[in-house]
C-alpha atoms as a PDB file:
ATOM      1  CA  UNK A   1     -73.384  15.810 -41.516  1.00  0.00           C
ATOM      2  CA  UNK A   2     -73.201  12.408 -43.214  1.00  0.00           C
ATOM      3  CA  UNK A   3     -69.422  12.457 -42.829  1.00  0.00           C
ATOM      4  CA  UNK A   4     -69.870  13.246 -39.091  1.00  0.00           C
ATOM      5  CA  UNK A   5     -72.286  10.338 -38.568  1.00  0.00           C
ATOM      6  CA  UNK A   6     -69.829   8.123 -40.451  1.00  0.00           C
ATOM      7  CA  UNK A   7     -67.021   9.167 -38.208  1.00  0.00           C
ATOM      8  CA  UNK A   8     -69.204   8.570 -35.134  1.00  0.00           C
ATOM      9  CA  UNK A   9     -70.058   5.147 -36.506  1.00  0.00           C
ATOM     10  CA  UNK A  10     -66.392   4.239 -37.069  1.00  0.00           C
ATOM     11  CA  UNK A  11     -65.592   5.432 -33.487  1.00  0.00           C
ATOM     12  CA  UNK A  12     -68.375   3.274 -32.105  1.00  0.00           C
ATOM     13  CA  UNK A  13     -67.057   0.202 -33.965  1.00  0.00           C
ATOM     14  CA  UNK A  14     -63.594   0.967 -32.717  1.00  0.00           C
ATOM     15  CA  UNK A  15     -64.851   1.156 -29.083  1.00  0.00           C
ATOM     16  CA  UNK A  16     -66.750  -2.099 -29.627  1.00  0.00           C
ATOM     17  CA  UNK A  17     -63.584  -3.782 -30.901  1.00  0.00           C
ATOM     18  CA  UNK A  18     -61.817  -2.654 -27.678  1.00  0.00           C
ATOM     19  CA  UNK A  19     -64.491  -4.197 -25.505  1.00  0.00           C
ATOM     20  CA  UNK A  20     -63.721  -5.865 -22.232  1.00  0.00           C
ATOM     21  CA  UNK A  21     -61.403  -8.946 -22.260  1.00  0.00           C
ATOM     22  CA  UNK A  22     -63.753 -11.848 -22.160  1.00  0.00           C
ATOM     23  CA  UNK A  23     -63.695 -14.890 -19.935  1.00  0.00           C
ATOM     24  CA  UNK A  24     -63.198 -17.094 -23.056  1.00  0.00           C
ATOM     25  CA  UNK A  25     -60.059 -15.175 -23.974  1.00  0.00           C
ATOM     26  CA  UNK A  26     -58.660 -15.505 -20.462  1.00  0.00           C
ATOM     27  CA  UNK A  27     -59.466 -19.213 -20.373  1.00  0.00           C
ATOM     28  CA  UNK A  28     -57.970 -19.803 -23.861  1.00  0.00           C
ATOM     29  CA  UNK A  29     -54.705 -18.094 -22.909  1.00  0.00           C
ATOM     30  CA  UNK A  30     -54.401 -20.055 -19.665  1.00  0.00           C
ATOM     31  CA  UNK A  31     -55.169 -23.427 -21.373  1.00  0.00           C
ATOM     32  CA  UNK A  32     -52.667 -22.792 -24.156  1.00  0.00           C
ATOM     33  CA  UNK A  33     -50.003 -22.026 -21.554  1.00  0.00           C
ATOM     34  CA  UNK A  34     -50.800 -25.280 -19.832  1.00  0.00           C
ATOM     35  CA  UNK A  35     -50.584 -27.273 -23.027  1.00  0.00           C
ATOM     36  CA  UNK A  36     -47.239 -25.659 -23.915  1.00  0.00           C
ATOM     37  CA  UNK A  37     -45.870 -26.423 -20.464  1.00  0.00           C
ATOM     38  CA  UNK A  38     -46.962 -30.061 -20.152  1.00  0.00           C
ATOM     39  CA  UNK A  39     -47.295 -31.351 -23.762  1.00  0.00           C
ATOM     40  CA  UNK A  40     -43.857 -32.951 -23.717  1.00  0.00           C
ATOM     41  CA  UNK A  41     -43.094 -35.673 -26.267  1.00  0.00           C
ATOM     42  CA  UNK A  42     -45.362 -38.618 -25.717  1.00  0.00           C
ATOM     43  CA  UNK A  43     -47.884 -36.781 -23.557  1.00  0.00           C
ATOM     44  CA  UNK A  44     -51.603 -36.308 -24.234  1.00  0.00           C
ATOM     45  CA  UNK A  45     -53.090 -33.352 -22.326  1.00  0.00           C
ATOM     46  CA  UNK A  46     -56.819 -33.287 -21.587  1.00  0.00           C
ATOM     47  CA  UNK A  47     -58.214 -30.052 -20.076  1.00  0.00           C
ATOM     48  CA  UNK A  48     -61.556 -29.846 -18.290  1.00  0.00           C
ATOM     49  CA  UNK A  49     -63.007 -26.315 -18.815  1.00  0.00           C
ATOM     50  CA  UNK A  50     -63.449 -24.308 -15.589  1.00  0.00           C
ATOM     51  CA  UNK A  51     -66.126 -21.760 -15.168  1.00  0.00           C
ATOM     52  CA  UNK A  52     -65.098 -18.098 -14.596  1.00  0.00           C
ATOM     53  CA  UNK A  53     -67.280 -15.517 -12.900  1.00  0.00           C
ATOM     54  CA  UNK A  54     -69.613 -14.261 -15.647  1.00  0.00           C
ATOM     55  CA  UNK A  55     -69.625 -10.811 -13.963  1.00  0.00           C
ATOM     56  CA  UNK A  56     -65.868 -10.559 -14.400  1.00  0.00           C
ATOM     57  CA  UNK A  57     -64.916  -7.326 -16.334  1.00  0.00           C
ATOM     58  CA  UNK A  58     -61.359  -6.570 -17.345  1.00  0.00           C
ATOM     59  CA  UNK A  59     -60.321  -3.724 -19.618  1.00  0.00           C
ATOM     60  CA  UNK A  60     -59.487  -4.687 -23.153  1.00  0.00           C
ATOM     61  CA  UNK A  61     -55.802  -5.451 -23.672  1.00  0.00           C
ATOM     62  CA  UNK A  62     -54.325  -3.828 -26.855  1.00  0.00           C
ATOM     63  CA  UNK A  63     -51.440  -6.267 -26.825  1.00  0.00           C
ATOM     64  CA  UNK A  64     -50.996 -10.077 -26.428  1.00  0.00           C
ATOM     65  CA  UNK A  65     -52.107 -11.574 -23.207  1.00  0.00           C
ATOM     66  CA  UNK A  66     -49.122 -12.740 -21.035  1.00  0.00           C
ATOM     67  CA  UNK A  67     -49.151 -15.956 -19.028  1.00  0.00           C
ATOM     68  CA  UNK A  68     -47.153 -17.321 -16.133  1.00  0.00           C
ATOM     69  CA  UNK A  69     -47.286 -20.728 -14.485  1.00  0.00           C
ATOM     70  CA  UNK A  70     -46.041 -21.390 -10.951  1.00  0.00           C
ATOM     71  CA  UNK A  71     -42.755 -23.279 -10.641  1.00  0.00           C
ATOM     72  CA  UNK A  72     -43.406 -26.602  -9.120  1.00  0.00           C
ATOM     73  CA  UNK A  73     -42.137 -30.205  -9.240  1.00  0.00           C
ATOM     74  CA  UNK A  74     -44.188 -32.965 -10.871  1.00  0.00           C
ATOM     75  CA  UNK A  75     -47.460 -32.650 -12.765  1.00  0.00           C
ATOM     76  CA  UNK A  76     -50.383 -31.275 -10.823  1.00  0.00           C
ATOM     77  CA  UNK A  77     -54.022 -32.036 -11.684  1.00  0.00           C
ATOM     78  CA  UNK A  78     -54.919 -28.357 -11.127  1.00  0.00           C
ATOM     79  CA  UNK A  79     -52.850 -25.250 -11.716  1.00  0.00           C
ATOM     80  CA  UNK A  80     -53.531 -21.508 -11.434  1.00  0.00           C
ATOM     81  CA  UNK A  81     -52.206 -19.600 -14.436  1.00  0.00           C
ATOM     82  CA  UNK A  82     -51.472 -15.899 -14.022  1.00  0.00           C
ATOM     83  CA  UNK A  83     -52.901 -14.102 -17.050  1.00  0.00           C
ATOM     84  CA  UNK A  84     -51.873 -10.494 -17.400  1.00  0.00           C
ATOM     85  CA  UNK A  85     -52.028  -7.432 -19.671  1.00  0.00           C
ATOM     86  CA  UNK A  86     -48.776  -5.477 -19.597  1.00  0.00           C
ATOM     87  CA  UNK A  87     -49.661  -2.873 -22.182  1.00  0.00           C
ATOM     88  CA  UNK A  88     -52.407  -0.223 -21.790  1.00  0.00           C
ATOM     89  CA  UNK A  89     -54.414  -1.169 -18.751  1.00  0.00           C
ATOM     90  CA  UNK A  90     -52.258  -3.176 -16.347  1.00  0.00           C
ATOM     91  CA  UNK A  91     -53.999  -6.064 -14.723  1.00  0.00           C
ATOM     92  CA  UNK A  92     -53.353  -9.695 -13.679  1.00  0.00           C
ATOM     93  CA  UNK A  93     -55.812 -12.442 -12.858  1.00  0.00           C
ATOM     94  CA  UNK A  94     -55.378 -16.035 -11.732  1.00  0.00           C
ATOM     95  CA  UNK A  95     -57.185 -18.496 -14.050  1.00  0.00           C
ATOM     96  CA  UNK A  96     -57.596 -22.068 -12.673  1.00  0.00           C
ATOM     97  CA  UNK A  97     -57.037 -24.902 -15.096  1.00  0.00           C
ATOM     98  CA  UNK A  98     -57.882 -28.553 -14.375  1.00  0.00           C
ATOM     99  CA  UNK A  99     -56.069 -31.128 -16.464  1.00  0.00           C
ATOM    100  CA  UNK A 100     -55.072 -34.710 -17.037  1.00  0.00           C
ATOM    101  CA  UNK A 101     -51.721 -35.533 -18.596  1.00  0.00           C
ATOM    102  CA  UNK A 102     -51.554 -39.105 -20.063  1.00  0.00           C
ATOM    103  CA  UNK A 103     -48.305 -40.890 -20.765  1.00  0.00           C
ATOM    104  CA  UNK A 104     -47.259 -44.531 -21.362  1.00  0.00           C
ATOM    105  CA  UNK A 105     -45.872 -45.914 -18.111  1.00  0.00           C
ATOM    106  CA  UNK A 106     -44.698 -49.369 -16.904  1.00  0.00           C
ATOM    107  CA  UNK A 107     -47.232 -51.575 -15.171  1.00  0.00           C
ATOM    108  CA  UNK A 108     -46.712 -54.984 -13.628  1.00  0.00           C
ATOM    109  CA  UNK A 109     -48.137 -57.850 -15.710  1.00  0.00           C
ATOM    110  CA  UNK A 110     -48.184 -60.317 -12.776  1.00  0.00           C
ATOM    111  CA  UNK A 111     -47.905 -60.240  -8.945  1.00  0.00           C
ATOM    112  CA  UNK A 112     -44.267 -59.720  -7.882  1.00  0.00           C
ATOM    113  CA  UNK A 113     -42.439 -60.324  -4.639  1.00  0.00           C
ATOM    114  CA  UNK A 114     -40.036 -58.071  -2.785  1.00  0.00           C
ATOM    115  CA  UNK A 115     -36.615 -58.550  -4.200  1.00  0.00           C
ATOM    116  CA  UNK A 116     -37.787 -59.654  -7.629  1.00  0.00           C
ATOM    117  CA  UNK A 117     -36.087 -58.149 -10.674  1.00  0.00           C
ATOM    118  CA  UNK A 118     -38.631 -57.055 -13.279  1.00  0.00           C
ATOM    119  CA  UNK A 119     -37.879 -57.941 -16.897  1.00  0.00           C
ATOM    120  CA  UNK A 120     -39.717 -57.597 -20.234  1.00  0.00           C
ATOM    121  CA  UNK A 121     -42.001 -60.580 -19.354  1.00  0.00           C
ATOM    122  CA  UNK A 122     -42.990 -58.997 -16.037  1.00  0.00           C
ATOM    123  CA  UNK A 123     -44.201 -55.544 -17.164  1.00  0.00           C
ATOM    124  CA  UNK A 124     -45.996 -53.794 -19.966  1.00  0.00           C
ATOM    125  CA  UNK A 125     -46.973 -50.231 -20.832  1.00  0.00           C
ATOM    126  CA  UNK A 126     -50.306 -48.579 -20.260  1.00  0.00           C
ATOM    127  CA  UNK A 127     -51.510 -44.987 -20.685  1.00  0.00           C
ATOM    128  CA  UNK A 128     -52.095 -43.409 -17.272  1.00  0.00           C
ATOM    129  CA  UNK A 129     -52.816 -39.862 -15.943  1.00  0.00           C
ATOM    130  CA  UNK A 130     -49.435 -38.947 -14.482  1.00  0.00           C
ATOM    131  CA  UNK A 131     -51.016 -35.922 -12.695  1.00  0.00           C
ATOM    132  CA  UNK A 132     -52.474 -38.561 -10.311  1.00  0.00           C
ATOM    133  CA  UNK A 133     -49.174 -40.392  -9.827  1.00  0.00           C
ATOM    134  CA  UNK A 134     -47.817 -38.331  -6.997  1.00  0.00           C
ATOM    135  CA  UNK A 135     -44.990 -40.668  -6.250  1.00  0.00           C
ATOM    136  CA  UNK A 136     -43.647 -40.694  -9.830  1.00  0.00           C
ATOM    137  CA  UNK A 137     -43.581 -43.384 -12.510  1.00  0.00           C
ATOM    138  CA  UNK A 138     -41.236 -45.422 -14.637  1.00  0.00           C
ATOM    139  CA  UNK A 139     -41.360 -45.240 -18.440  1.00  0.00           C
ATOM    140  CA  UNK A 140     -38.715 -47.628 -19.831  1.00  0.00           C
ATOM    141  CA  UNK A 141     -37.113 -50.982 -19.080  1.00  0.00           C
ATOM    142  CA  UNK A 142     -33.676 -49.282 -18.935  1.00  0.00           C
ATOM    143  CA  UNK A 143     -34.740 -47.654 -15.715  1.00  0.00           C
ATOM    144  CA  UNK A 144     -35.207 -51.208 -14.144  1.00  0.00           C
ATOM    145  CA  UNK A 145     -31.765 -52.473 -15.039  1.00  0.00           C
ATOM    146  CA  UNK A 146     -29.846 -53.559 -11.955  1.00  0.00           C
ATOM    147  CA  UNK A 147     -32.697 -52.836  -9.625  1.00  0.00           C
ATOM    148  CA  UNK A 148     -34.874 -55.227  -7.587  1.00  0.00           C
ATOM    149  CA  UNK A 149     -38.277 -54.485  -6.025  1.00  0.00           C
ATOM    150  CA  UNK A 150     -38.305 -52.976  -2.610  1.00  0.00           C
ATOM    151  CA  UNK A 151     -41.879 -54.158  -1.861  1.00  0.00           C
ATOM    152  CA  UNK A 152     -44.370 -56.705  -3.324  1.00  0.00           C
ATOM    153  CA  UNK A 153     -46.679 -55.496  -6.105  1.00  0.00           C
ATOM    154  CA  UNK A 154     -49.968 -56.722  -7.403  1.00  0.00           C
ATOM    155  CA  UNK A 155     -50.645 -57.224 -11.095  1.00  0.00           C
ATOM    156  CA  UNK A 156     -51.613 -53.919 -12.765  1.00  0.00           C
ATOM    157  CA  UNK A 157     -49.560 -51.750 -10.367  1.00  0.00           C
ATOM    158  CA  UNK A 158     -47.802 -48.707 -11.803  1.00  0.00           C
ATOM    159  CA  UNK A 159     -44.077 -48.955 -11.160  1.00  0.00           C
ATOM    160  CA  UNK A 160     -42.752 -46.085  -9.147  1.00  0.00           C
ATOM    161  CA  UNK A 161     -39.138 -45.060  -8.427  1.00  0.00           C
ATOM    162  CA  UNK A 162     -39.641 -45.816  -4.733  1.00  0.00           C
ATOM    163  CA  UNK A 163     -40.503 -49.419  -5.636  1.00  0.00           C
ATOM    164  CA  UNK A 164     -36.950 -50.105  -6.656  1.00  0.00           C
ATOM    165  CA  UNK A 165     -33.862 -50.997  -4.672  1.00  0.00           C
ATOM    166  CA  UNK A 166     -30.529 -49.757  -5.923  1.00  0.00           C
ATOM    167  CA  UNK A 167     -28.457 -52.892  -5.571  1.00  0.00           C
ATOM    168  CA  UNK A 168     -28.160 -56.669  -5.954  1.00  0.00           C
ATOM    169  CA  UNK A 169     -26.686 -58.303  -2.797  1.00  0.00           C
ATOM    170  CA  UNK A 170     -26.380 -61.667  -4.671  1.00  0.00           C
ATOM    171  CA  UNK A 171     -25.306 -61.788  -8.324  1.00  0.00           C
ATOM    172  CA  UNK A 172     -25.797 -64.619 -10.775  1.00  0.00           C
ATOM    173  CA  UNK A 173     -22.699 -66.913 -10.815  1.00  0.00           C
ATOM    174  CA  UNK A 174     -21.625 -65.831  -7.338  1.00  0.00           C
ATOM    175  CA  UNK A 175     -20.708 -68.290  -4.630  1.00  0.00           C
ATOM    176  CA  UNK A 176     -23.037 -68.047  -1.685  1.00  0.00           C
ATOM    177  CA  UNK A 177     -23.541 -69.612   1.673  1.00  0.00           C
ATOM    178  CA  UNK A 178     -26.690 -71.812   1.547  1.00  0.00           C
ATOM    179  CA  UNK A 179     -28.495 -72.331   4.801  1.00  0.00           C
ATOM    180  CA  UNK A 180     -31.058 -75.174   5.223  1.00  0.00           C
ATOM    181  CA  UNK A 181     -33.265 -76.158   8.189  1.00  0.00           C
ATOM    182  CA  UNK A 182     -33.305 -79.979   8.508  1.00  0.00           C
ATOM    183  CA  UNK A 183     -35.613 -80.886  11.322  1.00  0.00           C
ATOM    184  CA  UNK A 184     -34.528 -78.023  13.453  1.00  0.00           C
ATOM    185  CA  UNK A 185     -30.858 -78.429  12.665  1.00  0.00           C
ATOM    186  CA  UNK A 186     -29.260 -75.655  10.678  1.00  0.00           C
ATOM    187  CA  UNK A 187     -26.988 -76.955   7.866  1.00  0.00           C
ATOM    188  CA  UNK A 188     -24.694 -74.637   5.932  1.00  0.00           C
ATOM    189  CA  UNK A 189     -23.048 -75.427   2.606  1.00  0.00           C
ATOM    190  CA  UNK A 190     -21.649 -73.551  -0.337  1.00  0.00           C
ATOM    191  CA  UNK A 191     -23.687 -73.013  -3.482  1.00  0.00           C
ATOM    192  CA  UNK A 192     -23.610 -71.033  -6.705  1.00  0.00           C
ATOM    193  CA  UNK A 193     -26.388 -68.493  -7.398  1.00  0.00           C
ATOM    194  CA  UNK A 194     -28.067 -69.052 -10.753  1.00  0.00           C
ATOM    195  CA  UNK A 195     -29.987 -65.780 -10.491  1.00  0.00           C
ATOM    196  CA  UNK A 196     -29.349 -62.320  -8.927  1.00  0.00           C
ATOM    197  CA  UNK A 197     -31.407 -60.453  -6.433  1.00  0.00           C
ATOM    198  CA  UNK A 198     -31.669 -58.211  -3.455  1.00  0.00           C
ATOM    199  CA  UNK A 199     -32.585 -59.190   0.129  1.00  0.00           C
ATOM    200  CA  UNK A 200     -35.943 -60.879   0.066  1.00  0.00           C
ATOM    201  CA  UNK A 201     -35.783 -62.029  -3.542  1.00  0.00           C
ATOM    202  CA  UNK A 202     -36.453 -65.610  -4.532  1.00  0.00           C
ATOM    203  CA  UNK A 203     -33.797 -67.279  -6.661  1.00  0.00           C
ATOM    204  CA  UNK A 204     -32.279 -70.609  -7.606  1.00  0.00           C
ATOM    205  CA  UNK A 205     -28.877 -71.917  -6.417  1.00  0.00           C
ATOM    206  CA  UNK A 206     -26.859 -75.005  -7.295  1.00  0.00           C
ATOM    207  CA  UNK A 207     -25.694 -76.970  -4.294  1.00  0.00           C
ATOM    208  CA  UNK A 208     -21.916 -77.123  -4.483  1.00  0.00           C
ATOM    209  CA  UNK A 209     -21.732 -80.665  -3.102  1.00  0.00           C
ATOM    210  CA  UNK A 210     -24.710 -82.463  -4.594  1.00  0.00           C
ATOM    211  CA  UNK A 211     -25.221 -80.373  -7.742  1.00  0.00           C
ATOM    212  CA  UNK A 212     -28.975 -80.123  -6.978  1.00  0.00           C
ATOM    213  CA  UNK A 213     -30.886 -77.021  -8.026  1.00  0.00           C
ATOM    214  CA  UNK A 214     -32.525 -75.459  -4.919  1.00  0.00           C
ATOM    215  CA  UNK A 215     -35.008 -72.687  -4.569  1.00  0.00           C
ATOM    216  CA  UNK A 216     -33.979 -70.109  -1.999  1.00  0.00           C
ATOM    217  CA  UNK A 217     -34.515 -66.589  -0.634  1.00  0.00           C
ATOM    218  CA  UNK A 218     -31.759 -64.047  -0.203  1.00  0.00           C
ATOM    219  CA  UNK A 219     -31.247 -63.097   3.451  1.00  0.00           C
ATOM    220  CA  UNK A 220     -28.251 -60.870   2.994  1.00  0.00           C
ATOM    221  CA  UNK A 221     -24.993 -60.307   1.158  1.00  0.00           C
ATOM    222  CA  UNK A 222     -23.872 -63.770  -0.043  1.00  0.00           C
ATOM    223  CA  UNK A 223     -26.488 -65.478   2.069  1.00  0.00           C
ATOM    224  CA  UNK A 224     -29.367 -67.631   0.813  1.00  0.00           C
ATOM    225  CA  UNK A 225     -31.811 -69.627   2.838  1.00  0.00           C
ATOM    226  CA  UNK A 226     -33.243 -72.823   1.186  1.00  0.00           C
ATOM    227  CA  UNK A 227     -36.971 -72.791   0.849  1.00  0.00           C
ATOM    228  CA  UNK A 228     -38.916 -75.876   2.109  1.00  0.00           C
END
């Protein structure tokens, strides 16, 4: 009889070991999948635990829990991870995960005008939650090379790909047509651009006749208007 009771005891322990899959197990599998997906080099992932229904009951899974994340562009702040058991009892459940993904991104150090070309003195890096940067972000100065700003930016603004123009309509050293308004009379002369920029950018030009350095604004390809 003692051997029978021992066998029953072992069976009971075995059944206890095969107890229902817990909410903690589901949450742990989902969170690990998110960390694996979004913890690319240089990222810091912070996950906010989400509550699952305490009455949730799923049969014990004899194998490893499988996970699947939806295919989507960008980095969402919330994602539903499909957690499933493909051996023994077959079930799948969607587990929500709320997260923040921090990376070092470029931020403006001073107010900048449309057409300005950002350089090392104009920007710096700050850690930001890219899950909240729905329009993208810029990580390195190399991404700014040859681009001017398409709109004005305040100091502390995260640089986005949409903030950049793809061309310079005036290049440093190029001969341009300089237009000046002298008491209502438009005067045109040739000048040499000392800086480069896109339409709307402020730059300096050297008057071809007088040699004076004049501040101007680019109005088009090879066209600069003198500022008062």
